[in-house]
Amino acid sequence: DYHEGFKPTDKHPPTDFGDINTLV
């Protein structure tokens, strides 16, 4: 409910902080 439809069958993706240079 709180996380907008994250069902028991869903799986959180691996950690990835990405490339901060792409943020504006």
PDBML (XML) file of the C-alpha atoms, coordinates in Angstrom:
<?xml version="1.0" encoding="UTF-8" ?>
<PDBx:datablock datablockName="MODEL"
   xmlns:PDBx="http://pdbml.pdb.org/schema/pdbx-v50.xsd"
   xmlns:xsi="http://www.w3.org/2001/XMLSchema-instance"
   xsi:schemaLocation="http://pdbml.pdb.org/schema/pdbx-v50.xsd pdbx-v50.xsd">
   <PDBx:atom_siteCategory>
      <PDBx:atom_site id="1">
         <PDBx:B_iso_or_equiv>0.00</PDBx:B_iso_or_equiv>
         <PDBx:Cartn_x>0.000</PDBx:Cartn_x>
         <PDBx:Cartn_y>0.000</PDBx:Cartn_y>
         <PDBx:Cartn_z>0.000</PDBx:Cartn_z>
         <PDBx:auth_asym_id>A</PDBx:auth_asym_id>
         <PDBx:auth_atom_id>CA</PDBx:auth_atom_id>
         <PDBx:auth_comp_id>ASP</PDBx:auth_comp_id>
         <PDBx:auth_seq_id>1</PDBx:auth_seq_id>
         <PDBx:group_PDB>ATOM</PDBx:group_PDB>
         <PDBx:label_alt_id xsi:nil="true" />
         <PDBx:label_asym_id>A</PDBx:label_asym_id>
         <PDBx:label_atom_id>CA</PDBx:label_atom_id>
         <PDBx:label_comp_id>ASP</PDBx:label_comp_id>
         <PDBx:label_entity_id>1</PDBx:label_entity_id>
         <PDBx:label_seq_id>1</PDBx:label_seq_id>
         <PDBx:occupancy>1.00</PDBx:occupancy>
         <PDBx:pdbx_PDB_model_num>1</PDBx:pdbx_PDB_model_num>
         <PDBx:type_symbol>C</PDBx:type_symbol>
      </PDBx:atom_site>
      <PDBx:atom_site id="2">
         <PDBx:B_iso_or_equiv>0.00</PDBx:B_iso_or_equiv>
         <PDBx:Cartn_x>2.642</PDBx:Cartn_x>
         <PDBx:Cartn_y>2.538</PDBx:Cartn_y>
         <PDBx:Cartn_z>1.069</PDBx:Cartn_z>
         <PDBx:auth_asym_id>A</PDBx:auth_asym_id>
         <PDBx:auth_atom_id>CA</PDBx:auth_atom_id>
         <PDBx:auth_comp_id>TYR</PDBx:auth_comp_id>
         <PDBx:auth_seq_id>2</PDBx:auth_seq_id>
         <PDBx:group_PDB>ATOM</PDBx:group_PDB>
         <PDBx:label_alt_id xsi:nil="true" />
         <PDBx:label_asym_id>A</PDBx:label_asym_id>
         <PDBx:label_atom_id>CA</PDBx:label_atom_id>
         <PDBx:label_comp_id>TYR</PDBx:label_comp_id>
         <PDBx:label_entity_id>1</PDBx:label_entity_id>
         <PDBx:label_seq_id>2</PDBx:label_seq_id>
         <PDBx:occupancy>1.00</PDBx:occupancy>
         <PDBx:pdbx_PDB_model_num>1</PDBx:pdbx_PDB_model_num>
         <PDBx:type_symbol>C</PDBx:type_symbol>
      </PDBx:atom_site>
      <PDBx:atom_site id="3">
         <PDBx:B_iso_or_equiv>0.00</PDBx:B_iso_or_equiv>
         <PDBx:Cartn_x>5.110</PDBx:Cartn_x>
         <PDBx:Cartn_y>1.788</PDBx:Cartn_y>
         <PDBx:Cartn_z>-1.727</PDBx:Cartn_z>
         <PDBx:auth_asym_id>A</PDBx:auth_asym_id>
         <PDBx:auth_atom_id>CA</PDBx:auth_atom_id>
         <PDBx:auth_comp_id>HIS</PDBx:auth_comp_id>
         <PDBx:auth_seq_id>3</PDBx:auth_seq_id>
         <PDBx:group_PDB>ATOM</PDBx:group_PDB>
         <PDBx:label_alt_id xsi:nil="true" />
         <PDBx:label_asym_id>A</PDBx:label_asym_id>
         <PDBx:label_atom_id>CA</PDBx:label_atom_id>
         <PDBx:label_comp_id>HIS</PDBx:label_comp_id>
         <PDBx:label_entity_id>1</PDBx:label_entity_id>
         <PDBx:label_seq_id>3</PDBx:label_seq_id>
         <PDBx:occupancy>1.00</PDBx:occupancy>
         <PDBx:pdbx_PDB_model_num>1</PDBx:pdbx_PDB_model_num>
         <PDBx:type_symbol>C</PDBx:type_symbol>
      </PDBx:atom_site>
      <PDBx:atom_site id="4">
         <PDBx:B_iso_or_equiv>0.00</PDBx:B_iso_or_equiv>
         <PDBx:Cartn_x>2.552</PDBx:Cartn_x>
         <PDBx:Cartn_y>2.086</PDBx:Cartn_y>
         <PDBx:Cartn_z>-4.494</PDBx:Cartn_z>
         <PDBx:auth_asym_id>A</PDBx:auth_asym_id>
         <PDBx:auth_atom_id>CA</PDBx:auth_atom_id>
         <PDBx:auth_comp_id>GLU</PDBx:auth_comp_id>
         <PDBx:auth_seq_id>4</PDBx:auth_seq_id>
         <PDBx:group_PDB>ATOM</PDBx:group_PDB>
         <PDBx:label_alt_id xsi:nil="true" />
         <PDBx:label_asym_id>A</PDBx:label_asym_id>
         <PDBx:label_atom_id>CA</PDBx:label_atom_id>
         <PDBx:label_comp_id>GLU</PDBx:label_comp_id>
         <PDBx:label_entity_id>1</PDBx:label_entity_id>
         <PDBx:label_seq_id>4</PDBx:label_seq_id>
         <PDBx:occupancy>1.00</PDBx:occupancy>
         <PDBx:pdbx_PDB_model_num>1</PDBx:pdbx_PDB_model_num>
         <PDBx:type_symbol>C</PDBx:type_symbol>
      </PDBx:atom_site>
      <PDBx:atom_site id="5">
         <PDBx:B_iso_or_equiv>0.00</PDBx:B_iso_or_equiv>
         <PDBx:Cartn_x>1.940</PDBx:Cartn_x>
         <PDBx:Cartn_y>-1.519</PDBx:Cartn_y>
         <PDBx:Cartn_z>-5.443</PDBx:Cartn_z>
         <PDBx:auth_asym_id>A</PDBx:auth_asym_id>
         <PDBx:auth_atom_id>CA</PDBx:auth_atom_id>
         <PDBx:auth_comp_id>GLY</PDBx:auth_comp_id>
         <PDBx:auth_seq_id>5</PDBx:auth_seq_id>
         <PDBx:group_PDB>ATOM</PDBx:group_PDB>
         <PDBx:label_alt_id xsi:nil="true" />
         <PDBx:label_asym_id>A</PDBx:label_asym_id>
         <PDBx:label_atom_id>CA</PDBx:label_atom_id>
         <PDBx:label_comp_id>GLY</PDBx:label_comp_id>
         <PDBx:label_entity_id>1</PDBx:label_entity_id>
         <PDBx:label_seq_id>5</PDBx:label_seq_id>
         <PDBx:occupancy>1.00</PDBx:occupancy>
         <PDBx:pdbx_PDB_model_num>1</PDBx:pdbx_PDB_model_num>
         <PDBx:type_symbol>C</PDBx:type_symbol>
      </PDBx:atom_site>
      <PDBx:atom_site id="6">
         <PDBx:B_iso_or_equiv>0.00</PDBx:B_iso_or_equiv>
         <PDBx:Cartn_x>5.230</PDBx:Cartn_x>
         <PDBx:Cartn_y>-3.227</PDBx:Cartn_y>
         <PDBx:Cartn_z>-4.497</PDBx:Cartn_z>
         <PDBx:auth_asym_id>A</PDBx:auth_asym_id>
         <PDBx:auth_atom_id>CA</PDBx:auth_atom_id>
         <PDBx:auth_comp_id>PHE</PDBx:auth_comp_id>
         <PDBx:auth_seq_id>6</PDBx:auth_seq_id>
         <PDBx:group_PDB>ATOM</PDBx:group_PDB>
         <PDBx:label_alt_id xsi:nil="true" />
         <PDBx:label_asym_id>A</PDBx:label_asym_id>
         <PDBx:label_atom_id>CA</PDBx:label_atom_id>
         <PDBx:label_comp_id>PHE</PDBx:label_comp_id>
         <PDBx:label_entity_id>1</PDBx:label_entity_id>
         <PDBx:label_seq_id>6</PDBx:label_seq_id>
         <PDBx:occupancy>1.00</PDBx:occupancy>
         <PDBx:pdbx_PDB_model_num>1</PDBx:pdbx_PDB_model_num>
         <PDBx:type_symbol>C</PDBx:type_symbol>
      </PDBx:atom_site>
      <PDBx:atom_site id="7">
         <PDBx:B_iso_or_equiv>0.00</PDBx:B_iso_or_equiv>
         <PDBx:Cartn_x>3.777</PDBx:Cartn_x>
         <PDBx:Cartn_y>-6.749</PDBx:Cartn_y>
         <PDBx:Cartn_z>-4.317</PDBx:Cartn_z>
         <PDBx:auth_asym_id>A</PDBx:auth_asym_id>
         <PDBx:auth_atom_id>CA</PDBx:auth_atom_id>
         <PDBx:auth_comp_id>LYS</PDBx:auth_comp_id>
         <PDBx:auth_seq_id>7</PDBx:auth_seq_id>
         <PDBx:group_PDB>ATOM</PDBx:group_PDB>
         <PDBx:label_alt_id xsi:nil="true" />
         <PDBx:label_asym_id>A</PDBx:label_asym_id>
         <PDBx:label_atom_id>CA</PDBx:label_atom_id>
         <PDBx:label_comp_id>LYS</PDBx:label_comp_id>
         <PDBx:label_entity_id>1</PDBx:label_entity_id>
         <PDBx:label_seq_id>7</PDBx:label_seq_id>
         <PDBx:occupancy>1.00</PDBx:occupancy>
         <PDBx:pdbx_PDB_model_num>1</PDBx:pdbx_PDB_model_num>
         <PDBx:type_symbol>C</PDBx:type_symbol>
      </PDBx:atom_site>
      <PDBx:atom_site id="8">
         <PDBx:B_iso_or_equiv>0.00</PDBx:B_iso_or_equiv>
         <PDBx:Cartn_x>5.145</PDBx:Cartn_x>
         <PDBx:Cartn_y>-9.742</PDBx:Cartn_y>
         <PDBx:Cartn_z>-2.338</PDBx:Cartn_z>
         <PDBx:auth_asym_id>A</PDBx:auth_asym_id>
         <PDBx:auth_atom_id>CA</PDBx:auth_atom_id>
         <PDBx:auth_comp_id>PRO</PDBx:auth_comp_id>
         <PDBx:auth_seq_id>8</PDBx:auth_seq_id>
         <PDBx:group_PDB>ATOM</PDBx:group_PDB>
         <PDBx:label_alt_id xsi:nil="true" />
         <PDBx:label_asym_id>A</PDBx:label_asym_id>
         <PDBx:label_atom_id>CA</PDBx:label_atom_id>
         <PDBx:label_comp_id>PRO</PDBx:label_comp_id>
         <PDBx:label_entity_id>1</PDBx:label_entity_id>
         <PDBx:label_seq_id>8</PDBx:label_seq_id>
         <PDBx:occupancy>1.00</PDBx:occupancy>
         <PDBx:pdbx_PDB_model_num>1</PDBx:pdbx_PDB_model_num>
         <PDBx:type_symbol>C</PDBx:type_symbol>
      </PDBx:atom_site>
      <PDBx:atom_site id="9">
         <PDBx:B_iso_or_equiv>0.00</PDBx:B_iso_or_equiv>
         <PDBx:Cartn_x>6.257</PDBx:Cartn_x>
         <PDBx:Cartn_y>-11.229</PDBx:Cartn_y>
         <PDBx:Cartn_z>-5.657</PDBx:Cartn_z>
         <PDBx:auth_asym_id>A</PDBx:auth_asym_id>
         <PDBx:auth_atom_id>CA</PDBx:auth_atom_id>
         <PDBx:auth_comp_id>THR</PDBx:auth_comp_id>
         <PDBx:auth_seq_id>9</PDBx:auth_seq_id>
         <PDBx:group_PDB>ATOM</PDBx:group_PDB>
         <PDBx:label_alt_id xsi:nil="true" />
         <PDBx:label_asym_id>A</PDBx:label_asym_id>
         <PDBx:label_atom_id>CA</PDBx:label_atom_id>
         <PDBx:label_comp_id>THR</PDBx:label_comp_id>
         <PDBx:label_entity_id>1</PDBx:label_entity_id>
         <PDBx:label_seq_id>9</PDBx:label_seq_id>
         <PDBx:occupancy>1.00</PDBx:occupancy>
         <PDBx:pdbx_PDB_model_num>1</PDBx:pdbx_PDB_model_num>
         <PDBx:type_symbol>C</PDBx:type_symbol>
      </PDBx:atom_site>
      <PDBx:atom_site id="10">
         <PDBx:B_iso_or_equiv>0.00</PDBx:B_iso_or_equiv>
         <PDBx:Cartn_x>8.277</PDBx:Cartn_x>
         <PDBx:Cartn_y>-8.134</PDBx:Cartn_y>
         <PDBx:Cartn_z>-6.606</PDBx:Cartn_z>
         <PDBx:auth_asym_id>A</PDBx:auth_asym_id>
         <PDBx:auth_atom_id>CA</PDBx:auth_atom_id>
         <PDBx:auth_comp_id>ASP</PDBx:auth_comp_id>
         <PDBx:auth_seq_id>10</PDBx:auth_seq_id>
         <PDBx:group_PDB>ATOM</PDBx:group_PDB>
         <PDBx:label_alt_id xsi:nil="true" />
         <PDBx:label_asym_id>A</PDBx:label_asym_id>
         <PDBx:label_atom_id>CA</PDBx:label_atom_id>
         <PDBx:label_comp_id>ASP</PDBx:label_comp_id>
         <PDBx:label_entity_id>1</PDBx:label_entity_id>
         <PDBx:label_seq_id>10</PDBx:label_seq_id>
         <PDBx:occupancy>1.00</PDBx:occupancy>
         <PDBx:pdbx_PDB_model_num>1</PDBx:pdbx_PDB_model_num>
         <PDBx:type_symbol>C</PDBx:type_symbol>
      </PDBx:atom_site>
      <PDBx:atom_site id="11">
         <PDBx:B_iso_or_equiv>0.00</PDBx:B_iso_or_equiv>
         <PDBx:Cartn_x>12.008</PDBx:Cartn_x>
         <PDBx:Cartn_y>-7.910</PDBx:Cartn_y>
         <PDBx:Cartn_z>-5.969</PDBx:Cartn_z>
         <PDBx:auth_asym_id>A</PDBx:auth_asym_id>
         <PDBx:auth_atom_id>CA</PDBx:auth_atom_id>
         <PDBx:auth_comp_id>LYS</PDBx:auth_comp_id>
         <PDBx:auth_seq_id>11</PDBx:auth_seq_id>
         <PDBx:group_PDB>ATOM</PDBx:group_PDB>
         <PDBx:label_alt_id xsi:nil="true" />
         <PDBx:label_asym_id>A</PDBx:label_asym_id>
         <PDBx:label_atom_id>CA</PDBx:label_atom_id>
         <PDBx:label_comp_id>LYS</PDBx:label_comp_id>
         <PDBx:label_entity_id>1</PDBx:label_entity_id>
         <PDBx:label_seq_id>11</PDBx:label_seq_id>
         <PDBx:occupancy>1.00</PDBx:occupancy>
         <PDBx:pdbx_PDB_model_num>1</PDBx:pdbx_PDB_model_num>
         <PDBx:type_symbol>C</PDBx:type_symbol>
      </PDBx:atom_site>
      <PDBx:atom_site id="12">
         <PDBx:B_iso_or_equiv>0.00</PDBx:B_iso_or_equiv>
         <PDBx:Cartn_x>14.059</PDBx:Cartn_x>
         <PDBx:Cartn_y>-4.818</PDBx:Cartn_y>
         <PDBx:Cartn_z>-5.181</PDBx:Cartn_z>
         <PDBx:auth_asym_id>A</PDBx:auth_asym_id>
         <PDBx:auth_atom_id>CA</PDBx:auth_atom_id>
         <PDBx:auth_comp_id>HIS</PDBx:auth_comp_id>
         <PDBx:auth_seq_id>12</PDBx:auth_seq_id>
         <PDBx:group_PDB>ATOM</PDBx:group_PDB>
         <PDBx:label_alt_id xsi:nil="true" />
         <PDBx:label_asym_id>A</PDBx:label_asym_id>
         <PDBx:label_atom_id>CA</PDBx:label_atom_id>
         <PDBx:label_comp_id>HIS</PDBx:label_comp_id>
         <PDBx:label_entity_id>1</PDBx:label_entity_id>
         <PDBx:label_seq_id>12</PDBx:label_seq_id>
         <PDBx:occupancy>1.00</PDBx:occupancy>
         <PDBx:pdbx_PDB_model_num>1</PDBx:pdbx_PDB_model_num>
         <PDBx:type_symbol>C</PDBx:type_symbol>
      </PDBx:atom_site>
      <PDBx:atom_site id="13">
         <PDBx:B_iso_or_equiv>0.00</PDBx:B_iso_or_equiv>
         <PDBx:Cartn_x>16.892</PDBx:Cartn_x>
         <PDBx:Cartn_y>-4.213</PDBx:Cartn_y>
         <PDBx:Cartn_z>-7.707</PDBx:Cartn_z>
         <PDBx:auth_asym_id>A</PDBx:auth_asym_id>
         <PDBx:auth_atom_id>CA</PDBx:auth_atom_id>
         <PDBx:auth_comp_id>PRO</PDBx:auth_comp_id>
         <PDBx:auth_seq_id>13</PDBx:auth_seq_id>
         <PDBx:group_PDB>ATOM</PDBx:group_PDB>
         <PDBx:label_alt_id xsi:nil="true" />
         <PDBx:label_asym_id>A</PDBx:label_asym_id>
         <PDBx:label_atom_id>CA</PDBx:label_atom_id>
         <PDBx:label_comp_id>PRO</PDBx:label_comp_id>
         <PDBx:label_entity_id>1</PDBx:label_entity_id>
         <PDBx:label_seq_id>13</PDBx:label_seq_id>
         <PDBx:occupancy>1.00</PDBx:occupancy>
         <PDBx:pdbx_PDB_model_num>1</PDBx:pdbx_PDB_model_num>
         <PDBx:type_symbol>C</PDBx:type_symbol>
      </PDBx:atom_site>
      <PDBx:atom_site id="14">
         <PDBx:B_iso_or_equiv>0.00</PDBx:B_iso_or_equiv>
         <PDBx:Cartn_x>20.608</PDBx:Cartn_x>
         <PDBx:Cartn_y>-4.406</PDBx:Cartn_y>
         <PDBx:Cartn_z>-6.783</PDBx:Cartn_z>
         <PDBx:auth_asym_id>A</PDBx:auth_asym_id>
         <PDBx:auth_atom_id>CA</PDBx:auth_atom_id>
         <PDBx:auth_comp_id>PRO</PDBx:auth_comp_id>
         <PDBx:auth_seq_id>14</PDBx:auth_seq_id>
         <PDBx:group_PDB>ATOM</PDBx:group_PDB>
         <PDBx:label_alt_id xsi:nil="true" />
         <PDBx:label_asym_id>A</PDBx:label_asym_id>
         <PDBx:label_atom_id>CA</PDBx:label_atom_id>
         <PDBx:label_comp_id>PRO</PDBx:label_comp_id>
         <PDBx:label_entity_id>1</PDBx:label_entity_id>
         <PDBx:label_seq_id>14</PDBx:label_seq_id>
         <PDBx:occupancy>1.00</PDBx:occupancy>
         <PDBx:pdbx_PDB_model_num>1</PDBx:pdbx_PDB_model_num>
         <PDBx:type_symbol>C</PDBx:type_symbol>
      </PDBx:atom_site>
      <PDBx:atom_site id="15">
         <PDBx:B_iso_or_equiv>0.00</PDBx:B_iso_or_equiv>
         <PDBx:Cartn_x>22.323</PDBx:Cartn_x>
         <PDBx:Cartn_y>-1.347</PDBx:Cartn_y>
         <PDBx:Cartn_z>-5.309</PDBx:Cartn_z>
         <PDBx:auth_asym_id>A</PDBx:auth_asym_id>
         <PDBx:auth_atom_id>CA</PDBx:auth_atom_id>
         <PDBx:auth_comp_id>THR</PDBx:auth_comp_id>
         <PDBx:auth_seq_id>15</PDBx:auth_seq_id>
         <PDBx:group_PDB>ATOM</PDBx:group_PDB>
         <PDBx:label_alt_id xsi:nil="true" />
         <PDBx:label_asym_id>A</PDBx:label_asym_id>
         <PDBx:label_atom_id>CA</PDBx:label_atom_id>
         <PDBx:label_comp_id>THR</PDBx:label_comp_id>
         <PDBx:label_entity_id>1</PDBx:label_entity_id>
         <PDBx:label_seq_id>15</PDBx:label_seq_id>
         <PDBx:occupancy>1.00</PDBx:occupancy>
         <PDBx:pdbx_PDB_model_num>1</PDBx:pdbx_PDB_model_num>
         <PDBx:type_symbol>C</PDBx:type_symbol>
      </PDBx:atom_site>
      <PDBx:atom_site id="16">
         <PDBx:B_iso_or_equiv>0.00</PDBx:B_iso_or_equiv>
         <PDBx:Cartn_x>23.221</PDBx:Cartn_x>
         <PDBx:Cartn_y>1.261</PDBx:Cartn_y>
         <PDBx:Cartn_z>-7.924</PDBx:Cartn_z>
         <PDBx:auth_asym_id>A</PDBx:auth_asym_id>
         <PDBx:auth_atom_id>CA</PDBx:auth_atom_id>
         <PDBx:auth_comp_id>ASP</PDBx:auth_comp_id>
         <PDBx:auth_seq_id>16</PDBx:auth_seq_id>
         <PDBx:group_PDB>ATOM</PDBx:group_PDB>
         <PDBx:label_alt_id xsi:nil="true" />
         <PDBx:label_asym_id>A</PDBx:label_asym_id>
         <PDBx:label_atom_id>CA</PDBx:label_atom_id>
         <PDBx:label_comp_id>ASP</PDBx:label_comp_id>
         <PDBx:label_entity_id>1</PDBx:label_entity_id>
         <PDBx:label_seq_id>16</PDBx:label_seq_id>
         <PDBx:occupancy>1.00</PDBx:occupancy>
         <PDBx:pdbx_PDB_model_num>1</PDBx:pdbx_PDB_model_num>
         <PDBx:type_symbol>C</PDBx:type_symbol>
      </PDBx:atom_site>
      <PDBx:atom_site id="17">
         <PDBx:B_iso_or_equiv>0.00</PDBx:B_iso_or_equiv>
         <PDBx:Cartn_x>23.934</PDBx:Cartn_x>
         <PDBx:Cartn_y>4.894</PDBx:Cartn_y>
         <PDBx:Cartn_z>-7.017</PDBx:Cartn_z>
         <PDBx:auth_asym_id>A</PDBx:auth_asym_id>
         <PDBx:auth_atom_id>CA</PDBx:auth_atom_id>
         <PDBx:auth_comp_id>PHE</PDBx:auth_comp_id>
         <PDBx:auth_seq_id>17</PDBx:auth_seq_id>
         <PDBx:group_PDB>ATOM</PDBx:group_PDB>
         <PDBx:label_alt_id xsi:nil="true" />
         <PDBx:label_asym_id>A</PDBx:label_asym_id>
         <PDBx:label_atom_id>CA</PDBx:label_atom_id>
         <PDBx:label_comp_id>PHE</PDBx:label_comp_id>
         <PDBx:label_entity_id>1</PDBx:label_entity_id>
         <PDBx:label_seq_id>17</PDBx:label_seq_id>
         <PDBx:occupancy>1.00</PDBx:occupancy>
         <PDBx:pdbx_PDB_model_num>1</PDBx:pdbx_PDB_model_num>
         <PDBx:type_symbol>C</PDBx:type_symbol>
      </PDBx:atom_site>
      <PDBx:atom_site id="18">
         <PDBx:B_iso_or_equiv>0.00</PDBx:B_iso_or_equiv>
         <PDBx:Cartn_x>24.407</PDBx:Cartn_x>
         <PDBx:Cartn_y>5.691</PDBx:Cartn_y>
         <PDBx:Cartn_z>-10.705</PDBx:Cartn_z>
         <PDBx:auth_asym_id>A</PDBx:auth_asym_id>
         <PDBx:auth_atom_id>CA</PDBx:auth_atom_id>
         <PDBx:auth_comp_id>GLY</PDBx:auth_comp_id>
         <PDBx:auth_seq_id>18</PDBx:auth_seq_id>
         <PDBx:group_PDB>ATOM</PDBx:group_PDB>
         <PDBx:label_alt_id xsi:nil="true" />
         <PDBx:label_asym_id>A</PDBx:label_asym_id>
         <PDBx:label_atom_id>CA</PDBx:label_atom_id>
         <PDBx:label_comp_id>GLY</PDBx:label_comp_id>
         <PDBx:label_entity_id>1</PDBx:label_entity_id>
         <PDBx:label_seq_id>18</PDBx:label_seq_id>
         <PDBx:occupancy>1.00</PDBx:occupancy>
         <PDBx:pdbx_PDB_model_num>1</PDBx:pdbx_PDB_model_num>
         <PDBx:type_symbol>C</PDBx:type_symbol>
      </PDBx:atom_site>
      <PDBx:atom_site id="19">
         <PDBx:B_iso_or_equiv>0.00</PDBx:B_iso_or_equiv>
         <PDBx:Cartn_x>26.357</PDBx:Cartn_x>
         <PDBx:Cartn_y>8.502</PDBx:Cartn_y>
         <PDBx:Cartn_z>-12.307</PDBx:Cartn_z>
         <PDBx:auth_asym_id>A</PDBx:auth_asym_id>
         <PDBx:auth_atom_id>CA</PDBx:auth_atom_id>
         <PDBx:auth_comp_id>ASP</PDBx:auth_comp_id>
         <PDBx:auth_seq_id>19</PDBx:auth_seq_id>
         <PDBx:group_PDB>ATOM</PDBx:group_PDB>
         <PDBx:label_alt_id xsi:nil="true" />
         <PDBx:label_asym_id>A</PDBx:label_asym_id>
         <PDBx:label_atom_id>CA</PDBx:label_atom_id>
         <PDBx:label_comp_id>ASP</PDBx:label_comp_id>
         <PDBx:label_entity_id>1</PDBx:label_entity_id>
         <PDBx:label_seq_id>19</PDBx:label_seq_id>
         <PDBx:occupancy>1.00</PDBx:occupancy>
         <PDBx:pdbx_PDB_model_num>1</PDBx:pdbx_PDB_model_num>
         <PDBx:type_symbol>C</PDBx:type_symbol>
      </PDBx:atom_site>
      <PDBx:atom_site id="20">
         <PDBx:B_iso_or_equiv>0.00</PDBx:B_iso_or_equiv>
         <PDBx:Cartn_x>25.782</PDBx:Cartn_x>
         <PDBx:Cartn_y>11.719</PDBx:Cartn_y>
         <PDBx:Cartn_z>-10.352</PDBx:Cartn_z>
         <PDBx:auth_asym_id>A</PDBx:auth_asym_id>
         <PDBx:auth_atom_id>CA</PDBx:auth_atom_id>
         <PDBx:auth_comp_id>ILE</PDBx:auth_comp_id>
         <PDBx:auth_seq_id>20</PDBx:auth_seq_id>
         <PDBx:group_PDB>ATOM</PDBx:group_PDB>
         <PDBx:label_alt_id xsi:nil="true" />
         <PDBx:label_asym_id>A</PDBx:label_asym_id>
         <PDBx:label_atom_id>CA</PDBx:label_atom_id>
         <PDBx:label_comp_id>ILE</PDBx:label_comp_id>
         <PDBx:label_entity_id>1</PDBx:label_entity_id>
         <PDBx:label_seq_id>20</PDBx:label_seq_id>
         <PDBx:occupancy>1.00</PDBx:occupancy>
         <PDBx:pdbx_PDB_model_num>1</PDBx:pdbx_PDB_model_num>
         <PDBx:type_symbol>C</PDBx:type_symbol>
      </PDBx:atom_site>
      <PDBx:atom_site id="21">
         <PDBx:B_iso_or_equiv>0.00</PDBx:B_iso_or_equiv>
         <PDBx:Cartn_x>27.008</PDBx:Cartn_x>
         <PDBx:Cartn_y>13.748</PDBx:Cartn_y>
         <PDBx:Cartn_z>-13.330</PDBx:Cartn_z>
         <PDBx:auth_asym_id>A</PDBx:auth_asym_id>
         <PDBx:auth_atom_id>CA</PDBx:auth_atom_id>
         <PDBx:auth_comp_id>ASN</PDBx:auth_comp_id>
         <PDBx:auth_seq_id>21</PDBx:auth_seq_id>
         <PDBx:group_PDB>ATOM</PDBx:group_PDB>
         <PDBx:label_alt_id xsi:nil="true" />
         <PDBx:label_asym_id>A</PDBx:label_asym_id>
         <PDBx:label_atom_id>CA</PDBx:label_atom_id>
         <PDBx:label_comp_id>ASN</PDBx:label_comp_id>
         <PDBx:label_entity_id>1</PDBx:label_entity_id>
         <PDBx:label_seq_id>21</PDBx:label_seq_id>
         <PDBx:occupancy>1.00</PDBx:occupancy>
         <PDBx:pdbx_PDB_model_num>1</PDBx:pdbx_PDB_model_num>
         <PDBx:type_symbol>C</PDBx:type_symbol>
      </PDBx:atom_site>
      <PDBx:atom_site id="22">
         <PDBx:B_iso_or_equiv>0.00</PDBx:B_iso_or_equiv>
         <PDBx:Cartn_x>23.752</PDBx:Cartn_x>
         <PDBx:Cartn_y>12.946</PDBx:Cartn_y>
         <PDBx:Cartn_z>-15.100</PDBx:Cartn_z>
         <PDBx:auth_asym_id>A</PDBx:auth_asym_id>
         <PDBx:auth_atom_id>CA</PDBx:auth_atom_id>
         <PDBx:auth_comp_id>THR</PDBx:auth_comp_id>
         <PDBx:auth_seq_id>22</PDBx:auth_seq_id>
         <PDBx:group_PDB>ATOM</PDBx:group_PDB>
         <PDBx:label_alt_id xsi:nil="true" />
         <PDBx:label_asym_id>A</PDBx:label_asym_id>
         <PDBx:label_atom_id>CA</PDBx:label_atom_id>
         <PDBx:label_comp_id>THR</PDBx:label_comp_id>
         <PDBx:label_entity_id>1</PDBx:label_entity_id>
         <PDBx:label_seq_id>22</PDBx:label_seq_id>
         <PDBx:occupancy>1.00</PDBx:occupancy>
         <PDBx:pdbx_PDB_model_num>1</PDBx:pdbx_PDB_model_num>
         <PDBx:type_symbol>C</PDBx:type_symbol>
      </PDBx:atom_site>
      <PDBx:atom_site id="23">
         <PDBx:B_iso_or_equiv>0.00</PDBx:B_iso_or_equiv>
         <PDBx:Cartn_x>21.766</PDBx:Cartn_x>
         <PDBx:Cartn_y>14.753</PDBx:Cartn_y>
         <PDBx:Cartn_z>-12.392</PDBx:Cartn_z>
         <PDBx:auth_asym_id>A</PDBx:auth_asym_id>
         <PDBx:auth_atom_id>CA</PDBx:auth_atom_id>
         <PDBx:auth_comp_id>LEU</PDBx:auth_comp_id>
         <PDBx:auth_seq_id>23</PDBx:auth_seq_id>
         <PDBx:group_PDB>ATOM</PDBx:group_PDB>
         <PDBx:label_alt_id xsi:nil="true" />
         <PDBx:label_asym_id>A</PDBx:label_asym_id>
         <PDBx:label_atom_id>CA</PDBx:label_atom_id>
         <PDBx:label_comp_id>LEU</PDBx:label_comp_id>
         <PDBx:label_entity_id>1</PDBx:label_entity_id>
         <PDBx:label_seq_id>23</PDBx:label_seq_id>
         <PDBx:occupancy>1.00</PDBx:occupancy>
         <PDBx:pdbx_PDB_model_num>1</PDBx:pdbx_PDB_model_num>
         <PDBx:type_symbol>C</PDBx:type_symbol>
      </PDBx:atom_site>
      <PDBx:atom_site id="24">
         <PDBx:B_iso_or_equiv>0.00</PDBx:B_iso_or_equiv>
         <PDBx:Cartn_x>20.927</PDBx:Cartn_x>
         <PDBx:Cartn_y>18.420</PDBx:Cartn_y>
         <PDBx:Cartn_z>-12.876</PDBx:Cartn_z>
         <PDBx:auth_asym_id>A</PDBx:auth_asym_id>
         <PDBx:auth_atom_id>CA</PDBx:auth_atom_id>
         <PDBx:auth_comp_id>VAL</PDBx:auth_comp_id>
         <PDBx:auth_seq_id>24</PDBx:auth_seq_id>
         <PDBx:group_PDB>ATOM</PDBx:group_PDB>
         <PDBx:label_alt_id xsi:nil="true" />
         <PDBx:label_asym_id>A</PDBx:label_asym_id>
         <PDBx:label_atom_id>CA</PDBx:label_atom_id>
         <PDBx:label_comp_id>VAL</PDBx:label_comp_id>
         <PDBx:label_entity_id>1</PDBx:label_entity_id>
         <PDBx:label_seq_id>24</PDBx:label_seq_id>
         <PDBx:occupancy>1.00</PDBx:occupancy>
         <PDBx:pdbx_PDB_model_num>1</PDBx:pdbx_PDB_model_num>
         <PDBx:type_symbol>C</PDBx:type_symbol>
      </PDBx:atom_site>
   </PDBx:atom_siteCategory>
</PDBx:datablock>
